[in-house]
Amino acid sequence: MSDYTGQAMQRVQVGESFSGARLDVALAQLLPEHSRARLQAWLRAGRVQVDGVPVRSPSVRVLGGEWVEVWPDEDARARDGVHAPEAIALDVVYEDEAILVINKPAGLVVHPGNGNWTGTMLNALLHHAPELAGVARAGIVHRLDKETSGLLVVARTLAAQTALVRQLQARTMGRHYLALVTGAVTCGGTVCARIGRHPVQRTKMAVTTGGREAVTHYTVRERLRTTTLLECRLETGRTHQIRVHMAHLGHPLVGDALYNPRRLPGEVFGRQALHAWQLHLQHPLRHEPMQWQAPLPEDFSRLLAALREEEKDDANRAV
């Protein structure tokens, strides 16, 4: 290890193309200057963290999107510090010895990442349940964008995490969202369009022929004057999937500054109108079906109420 004395911590993000790969295999490709054997040794020595949580097993499977920190210099870890537990309030919908179900508010980042290394849901989880420090990604198995609200499941043990990841891969975990989109959607349907990184704007995702398979089912819940409330069910879980698929259909989400820069007249909604309202899965220990629902947050409810009032006013004027 002496060849690396004084070398600073290295931070890389695991691309979605590595989903399902072993951590050591992904790192060997992301950090080709280090051998796989050396990376395995650093993992076992506790000098690798995934989304702020130490991971010692080279065989841990990655999901794609994780931030990985590697300390080639054994003293660098102490200098650079690690992600710490933070006393951030969590809306815990359900909790037992195997899982936590969290109703995430809009504005809370799930994983530490560029520009958001503290104040995340991961930091809050490490404070709420310190044992999560021993589980990869603090037990988080799926994500919500910062400005998306709603339900997330967290595994409290490695065995529970493995079981939940398998449910995601088998597409048996149900994730239903409410999305308010622009324009009139006449009927429900399914979007099967591959999603990958935008070729020019690297902060965006896009429908691309070389992207990963992505499937979104949607049904119409309510039609309003200039918008439509949809229920979307994810079959896959790609980054920004609903936002990208709805924009691809020509019906981007209300308030989505990234994929819908043209706002409606008078629109003041400050985030994408997307809420993960229902989650169902099989309990990883008891193997029984479980389901939770989270009501719309106040800002989303106010937006719908205002749009319904506009609809009523239009109807009155037409009489």
Protein backbone atom coordinates (compact mmCIF):
# COMPACT_ATOMS: atom_id res chain seq x y z
CA MET A 1 0.00 0.00 0.00
CA SER A 2 2.96 2.31 0.42
CA ASP A 3 2.92 3.23 -3.31
CA TYR A 4 -0.28 5.18 -2.62
CA THR A 5 0.80 7.12 0.48
CA GLY A 6 -0.43 10.70 0.22
CA GLN A 7 -2.93 9.97 -2.55
CA ALA A 8 -6.26 11.67 -1.91
CA MET A 9 -9.58 9.93 -1.72
CA GLN A 10 -11.06 9.08 -5.14
CA ARG A 11 -14.78 9.48 -5.78
CA VAL A 12 -16.57 7.92 -8.75
CA GLN A 13 -20.19 7.36 -9.71
CA VAL A 14 -21.30 3.91 -10.82
CA GLY A 15 -23.06 4.15 -14.17
CA GLU A 16 -26.41 2.47 -14.74
CA SER A 17 -24.71 0.12 -17.23
CA PHE A 18 -23.14 -1.62 -14.21
CA SER A 19 -26.53 -2.47 -12.62
CA GLY A 20 -26.30 -5.97 -11.11
CA ALA A 21 -22.50 -6.17 -11.37
CA ARG A 22 -20.19 -6.95 -8.45
CA LEU A 23 -18.76 -3.87 -6.78
CA ASP A 24 -15.14 -4.93 -7.34
CA VAL A 25 -15.80 -5.58 -11.04
CA ALA A 26 -17.39 -2.14 -11.48
CA LEU A 27 -14.55 -0.41 -9.60
CA ALA A 28 -11.90 -2.19 -11.64
CA GLN A 29 -13.39 -0.62 -14.77
CA LEU A 30 -14.06 2.79 -13.21
CA LEU A 31 -10.58 3.02 -11.66
CA PRO A 32 -8.39 1.13 -14.17
CA GLU A 33 -5.22 2.50 -12.58
CA HIS A 34 -5.81 0.07 -9.69
CA SER A 35 -5.88 -3.70 -10.03
CA ARG A 36 -8.98 -5.61 -9.07
CA ALA A 37 -6.97 -7.49 -6.43
CA ARG A 38 -5.86 -4.24 -4.82
CA LEU A 39 -9.42 -2.87 -4.87
CA GLN A 40 -10.63 -6.06 -3.19
CA ALA A 41 -7.99 -5.61 -0.49
CA TRP A 42 -9.09 -2.03 0.10
CA LEU A 43 -12.71 -3.15 0.32
CA ARG A 44 -11.90 -5.75 2.97
CA ALA A 45 -9.84 -3.17 4.87
CA GLY A 46 -12.83 -0.82 5.10
CA ARG A 47 -11.36 1.80 2.77
CA VAL A 48 -14.32 1.88 0.35
CA GLN A 49 -17.70 3.52 0.93
CA VAL A 50 -20.84 3.29 -1.20
CA ASP A 51 -23.15 6.29 -0.81
CA GLY A 52 -21.42 7.15 2.45
CA VAL A 53 -21.61 3.67 4.00
CA PRO A 54 -18.52 1.41 4.37
CA VAL A 55 -18.77 -1.76 2.29
CA ARG A 56 -16.28 -4.57 2.92
CA SER A 57 -17.55 -7.29 0.60
CA PRO A 58 -16.26 -7.20 -3.01
CA SER A 59 -19.28 -9.26 -4.12
CA VAL A 60 -21.92 -6.66 -3.17
CA ARG A 61 -24.07 -5.96 -6.23
CA VAL A 62 -24.48 -2.37 -7.41
CA LEU A 63 -27.71 -0.86 -8.71
CA GLY A 64 -26.20 1.93 -10.79
CA GLY A 65 -26.05 5.58 -9.75
CA GLU A 66 -24.16 5.01 -6.48
CA TRP A 67 -21.28 7.27 -5.46
CA VAL A 68 -18.23 5.28 -4.37
CA GLU A 69 -15.34 6.68 -2.35
CA VAL A 70 -11.98 4.89 -2.24
CA TRP A 71 -9.08 5.80 0.07
CA PRO A 72 -5.84 4.57 -1.57
CA ASP A 73 -3.87 6.22 1.25
CA GLU A 74 -4.85 4.67 4.57
CA ASP A 75 -4.45 8.08 6.25
CA ALA A 76 -6.64 9.90 3.68
CA ARG A 77 -9.81 8.40 5.10
CA ALA A 78 -9.20 10.06 8.45
CA ARG A 79 -8.33 13.38 6.77
CA ASP A 80 -11.33 13.50 4.44
CA GLY A 81 -13.94 12.28 6.92
CA VAL A 82 -17.04 10.17 6.25
CA HIS A 83 -20.77 10.70 5.98
CA ALA A 84 -22.13 11.06 9.48
CA PRO A 85 -25.52 10.43 11.09
CA GLU A 86 -27.61 13.60 11.20
CA ALA A 87 -30.70 14.33 13.29
CA ILE A 88 -33.02 14.97 10.35
CA ALA A 89 -36.72 14.21 10.91
CA LEU A 90 -38.12 11.27 8.93
CA ASP A 91 -41.77 10.49 8.26
CA VAL A 92 -41.69 6.76 9.07
CA VAL A 93 -44.81 5.09 7.69
CA TYR A 94 -43.86 1.56 8.78
CA GLU A 95 -41.00 -0.01 10.71
CA ASP A 96 -40.06 -3.50 11.88
CA GLU A 97 -36.90 -5.55 12.33
CA ALA A 98 -36.38 -5.98 8.58
CA ILE A 99 -37.62 -2.84 6.79
CA LEU A 100 -38.45 0.84 7.08
CA VAL A 101 -40.96 2.59 4.82
CA ILE A 102 -40.36 6.34 4.57
CA ASN A 103 -42.61 9.06 3.15
CA LYS A 104 -39.95 11.35 1.68
CA PRO A 105 -40.75 15.06 1.42
CA ALA A 106 -39.93 17.02 -1.71
CA GLY A 107 -36.55 18.74 -1.36
CA LEU A 108 -34.80 15.94 0.53
CA VAL A 109 -31.93 14.29 -1.37
CA VAL A 110 -31.87 10.51 -0.95
CA HIS A 111 -28.16 9.73 -1.47
CA PRO A 112 -25.10 11.92 -0.92
CA GLY A 113 -23.71 13.14 -4.21
CA ASN A 114 -22.11 16.11 -5.94
CA GLY A 115 -23.15 19.25 -4.07
CA ASN A 116 -25.18 17.28 -1.50
CA TRP A 117 -22.73 15.43 0.73
CA THR A 118 -24.70 16.16 3.92
CA GLY A 119 -28.32 16.68 4.87
CA THR A 120 -29.55 13.66 2.93
CA MET A 121 -32.01 10.90 3.74
CA LEU A 122 -29.04 8.56 4.11
CA ASN A 123 -27.62 10.79 6.86
CA ALA A 124 -31.04 10.81 8.54
CA LEU A 125 -31.32 7.00 8.33
CA LEU A 126 -27.93 6.50 9.96
CA HIS A 127 -29.16 8.61 12.89
CA HIS A 128 -32.57 6.92 13.10
CA ALA A 129 -31.20 3.35 12.85
CA PRO A 130 -27.42 3.23 13.52
CA GLU A 131 -27.24 -0.44 12.51
CA LEU A 132 -27.76 0.68 8.90
CA ALA A 133 -24.07 1.66 8.87
CA GLY A 134 -23.43 -2.06 8.30
CA VAL A 135 -25.73 -2.30 5.26
CA ALA A 136 -24.70 -1.11 1.80
CA ARG A 137 -26.21 2.30 0.91
CA ALA A 138 -27.69 2.38 4.45
CA GLY A 139 -30.29 -0.11 3.24
CA ILE A 140 -31.71 2.09 0.47
CA VAL A 141 -32.77 -0.08 -2.47
CA HIS A 142 -34.52 2.39 -4.80
CA ARG A 143 -34.54 6.14 -5.30
CA LEU A 144 -36.70 9.19 -5.70
CA ASP A 145 -35.50 12.43 -7.25
CA LYS A 146 -34.83 15.29 -4.84
CA GLU A 147 -38.06 17.14 -5.72
CA THR A 148 -40.24 14.02 -5.93
CA SER A 149 -42.20 13.16 -2.80
CA GLY A 150 -43.51 9.85 -1.55
CA LEU A 151 -42.76 6.30 -0.45
CA LEU A 152 -39.41 4.53 -0.26
CA VAL A 153 -38.54 1.19 1.35
CA VAL A 154 -35.27 0.72 3.25
CA ALA A 155 -33.77 -2.64 4.30
CA ARG A 156 -32.45 -2.93 7.85
CA THR A 157 -30.36 -6.05 7.19
CA LEU A 158 -28.24 -7.38 4.37
CA ALA A 159 -30.61 -10.33 3.92
CA ALA A 160 -33.61 -8.01 3.63
CA GLN A 161 -31.74 -5.79 1.18
CA THR A 162 -30.89 -8.76 -1.03
CA ALA A 163 -34.53 -9.91 -1.02
CA LEU A 164 -35.84 -6.46 -1.92
CA VAL A 165 -33.29 -5.96 -4.71
CA ARG A 166 -34.38 -9.30 -6.16
CA GLN A 167 -38.00 -8.13 -6.11
CA LEU A 168 -36.99 -5.01 -8.02
CA GLN A 169 -35.08 -7.07 -10.56
CA ALA A 170 -38.02 -9.47 -10.93
CA ARG A 171 -40.37 -6.47 -11.29
CA THR A 172 -42.64 -7.75 -8.52
CA MET A 173 -42.31 -4.65 -6.32
CA GLY A 174 -45.16 -2.26 -7.16
CA ARG A 175 -44.42 1.47 -7.31
CA HIS A 176 -47.33 3.74 -8.25
CA TYR A 177 -47.03 7.49 -8.76
CA LEU A 178 -49.43 10.39 -9.25
CA ALA A 179 -48.18 12.73 -11.95
CA LEU A 180 -49.75 15.97 -13.14
CA VAL A 181 -48.83 16.49 -16.78
CA THR A 182 -49.47 19.31 -19.22
CA GLY A 183 -52.09 18.95 -21.93
CA ALA A 184 -55.01 16.59 -22.45
CA VAL A 185 -54.15 12.90 -22.25
CA THR A 186 -57.08 11.13 -23.85
CA CYS A 187 -56.51 7.58 -22.56
CA GLY A 188 -54.07 5.39 -20.71
CA GLY A 189 -51.28 3.36 -22.23
CA THR A 190 -47.73 2.08 -21.88
CA VAL A 191 -44.46 3.74 -22.82
CA CYS A 192 -41.71 1.29 -23.84
CA ALA A 193 -38.80 3.56 -24.70
CA ARG A 194 -35.16 3.07 -23.77
CA ILE A 195 -33.60 5.70 -21.53
CA GLY A 196 -29.97 6.80 -21.41
CA ARG A 197 -27.87 9.85 -20.66
CA HIS A 198 -28.66 12.83 -22.90
CA PRO A 199 -25.91 13.02 -25.55
CA VAL A 200 -25.33 16.76 -25.03
CA GLN A 201 -26.94 17.89 -21.76
CA ARG A 202 -25.30 15.54 -19.28
CA THR A 203 -27.60 16.50 -16.39
CA LYS A 204 -30.56 15.12 -18.35
CA MET A 205 -31.72 11.69 -19.38
CA ALA A 206 -33.34 11.06 -22.76
CA VAL A 207 -35.06 8.44 -24.86
CA THR A 208 -32.17 6.93 -26.83
CA THR A 209 -31.77 3.80 -28.95
CA GLY A 210 -28.68 2.85 -26.94
CA GLY A 211 -30.32 3.35 -23.55
CA ARG A 212 -31.59 0.78 -21.07
CA GLU A 213 -35.04 -0.78 -21.30
CA ALA A 214 -37.66 1.37 -19.57
CA VAL A 215 -41.39 0.64 -19.24
CA THR A 216 -44.01 2.96 -17.72
CA HIS A 217 -47.74 2.14 -17.56
CA TYR A 218 -50.13 5.06 -17.10
CA THR A 219 -53.86 5.61 -16.64
CA VAL A 220 -55.91 8.81 -16.58
CA ARG A 221 -57.19 9.74 -13.11
CA GLU A 222 -58.60 13.21 -13.84
CA ARG A 223 -58.75 15.62 -16.76
CA LEU A 224 -58.55 19.34 -16.05
CA ARG A 225 -58.59 22.42 -18.25
CA THR A 226 -54.93 22.42 -19.30
CA THR A 227 -53.54 19.43 -17.43
CA THR A 228 -54.18 15.73 -16.76
CA LEU A 229 -53.65 13.83 -13.53
CA LEU A 230 -52.14 10.42 -14.30
CA GLU A 231 -51.38 7.35 -12.25
CA CYS A 232 -48.09 5.86 -13.41
CA ARG A 233 -46.80 2.41 -12.56
CA LEU A 234 -43.12 1.64 -13.01
CA GLU A 235 -42.11 -1.69 -14.44
CA THR A 236 -38.46 -0.61 -14.52
CA GLY A 237 -36.73 2.06 -12.47
CA ARG A 238 -34.49 4.23 -14.63
CA THR A 239 -33.27 7.67 -13.60
CA HIS A 240 -36.01 10.30 -14.21
CA GLN A 241 -38.08 7.59 -15.93
CA ILE A 242 -41.58 9.05 -15.57
CA ARG A 243 -40.34 12.57 -16.27
CA VAL A 244 -38.54 11.48 -19.46
CA HIS A 245 -41.34 9.22 -20.71
CA MET A 246 -44.05 11.82 -20.21
CA ALA A 247 -41.97 14.49 -21.95
CA HIS A 248 -41.40 11.98 -24.77
CA LEU A 249 -45.18 11.66 -25.13
CA GLY A 250 -45.47 15.44 -25.41
CA HIS A 251 -46.97 15.78 -21.93
CA PRO A 252 -44.13 16.85 -19.60
CA LEU A 253 -44.79 17.16 -15.88
CA VAL A 254 -46.07 20.43 -14.50
CA GLY A 255 -43.26 22.27 -12.72
CA ASP A 256 -40.46 20.15 -14.18
CA ALA A 257 -37.80 22.76 -14.93
CA LEU A 258 -35.46 20.18 -16.49
CA TYR A 259 -37.85 18.59 -18.98
CA ASN A 260 -40.58 21.25 -19.20
CA PRO A 261 -38.94 24.69 -19.32
CA ARG A 262 -42.12 26.29 -20.73
CA ARG A 263 -44.41 26.89 -17.78
CA LEU A 264 -48.16 27.32 -17.88
CA PRO A 265 -49.52 30.87 -17.61
CA GLY A 266 -49.62 31.76 -13.91
CA GLU A 267 -47.94 28.51 -12.88
CA VAL A 268 -46.03 28.89 -9.61
CA PHE A 269 -45.50 25.24 -8.66
CA GLY A 270 -41.84 25.04 -7.76
CA ARG A 271 -41.07 21.37 -8.47
CA GLN A 272 -42.14 18.53 -10.73
CA ALA A 273 -45.67 17.44 -9.82
CA LEU A 274 -44.78 13.83 -9.04
CA HIS A 275 -45.63 11.83 -5.91
CA ALA A 276 -44.90 8.17 -5.13
CA TRP A 277 -48.28 7.47 -3.56
CA GLN A 278 -48.42 3.66 -3.34
CA LEU A 279 -45.86 0.93 -2.67
CA HIS A 280 -46.44 -2.81 -2.42
CA LEU A 281 -43.99 -5.65 -1.93
CA GLN A 282 -43.49 -9.02 -0.29
CA HIS A 283 -42.07 -8.79 3.21
CA PRO A 284 -38.46 -10.07 3.00
CA LEU A 285 -38.78 -12.22 6.15
CA ARG A 286 -42.44 -13.18 6.46
CA HIS A 287 -43.03 -13.42 2.69
CA GLU A 288 -46.47 -11.85 3.01
CA PRO A 289 -47.77 -9.09 0.70
CA MET A 290 -47.70 -5.59 2.19
CA GLN A 291 -48.95 -2.27 0.84
CA TRP A 292 -48.78 1.38 1.88
CA GLN A 293 -50.19 4.64 0.56
CA ALA A 294 -49.05 8.19 1.18
CA PRO A 295 -51.52 11.08 0.72
CA LEU A 296 -50.61 13.91 -1.59
CA PRO A 297 -48.40 16.49 0.12
CA GLU A 298 -49.89 19.89 0.84
CA ASP A 299 -48.31 21.72 -2.10
CA PHE A 300 -49.56 19.15 -4.62
CA SER A 301 -53.05 19.17 -3.06
CA ARG A 302 -53.18 22.99 -3.23
CA LEU A 303 -52.16 22.90 -6.89
CA LEU A 304 -54.93 20.45 -7.78
CA ALA A 305 -57.48 22.45 -5.78
CA ALA A 306 -56.54 25.64 -7.67
CA LEU A 307 -56.80 23.89 -11.04
CA ARG A 308 -60.18 22.41 -10.14
CA GLU A 309 -61.40 25.86 -9.13
CA GLU A 310 -60.31 27.20 -12.52
CA GLU A 311 -62.23 24.37 -14.16
CA LYS A 312 -65.33 25.27 -12.18
CA ASP A 313 -65.03 28.95 -13.05
CA ASP A 314 -64.72 28.11 -16.73
CA ALA A 315 -67.85 25.95 -16.53
CA ASN A 316 -69.80 28.75 -14.81
CA ARG A 317 -68.77 31.28 -17.43
CA ALA A 318 -69.88 28.92 -20.18
CA VAL A 319 -73.41 28.70 -18.78
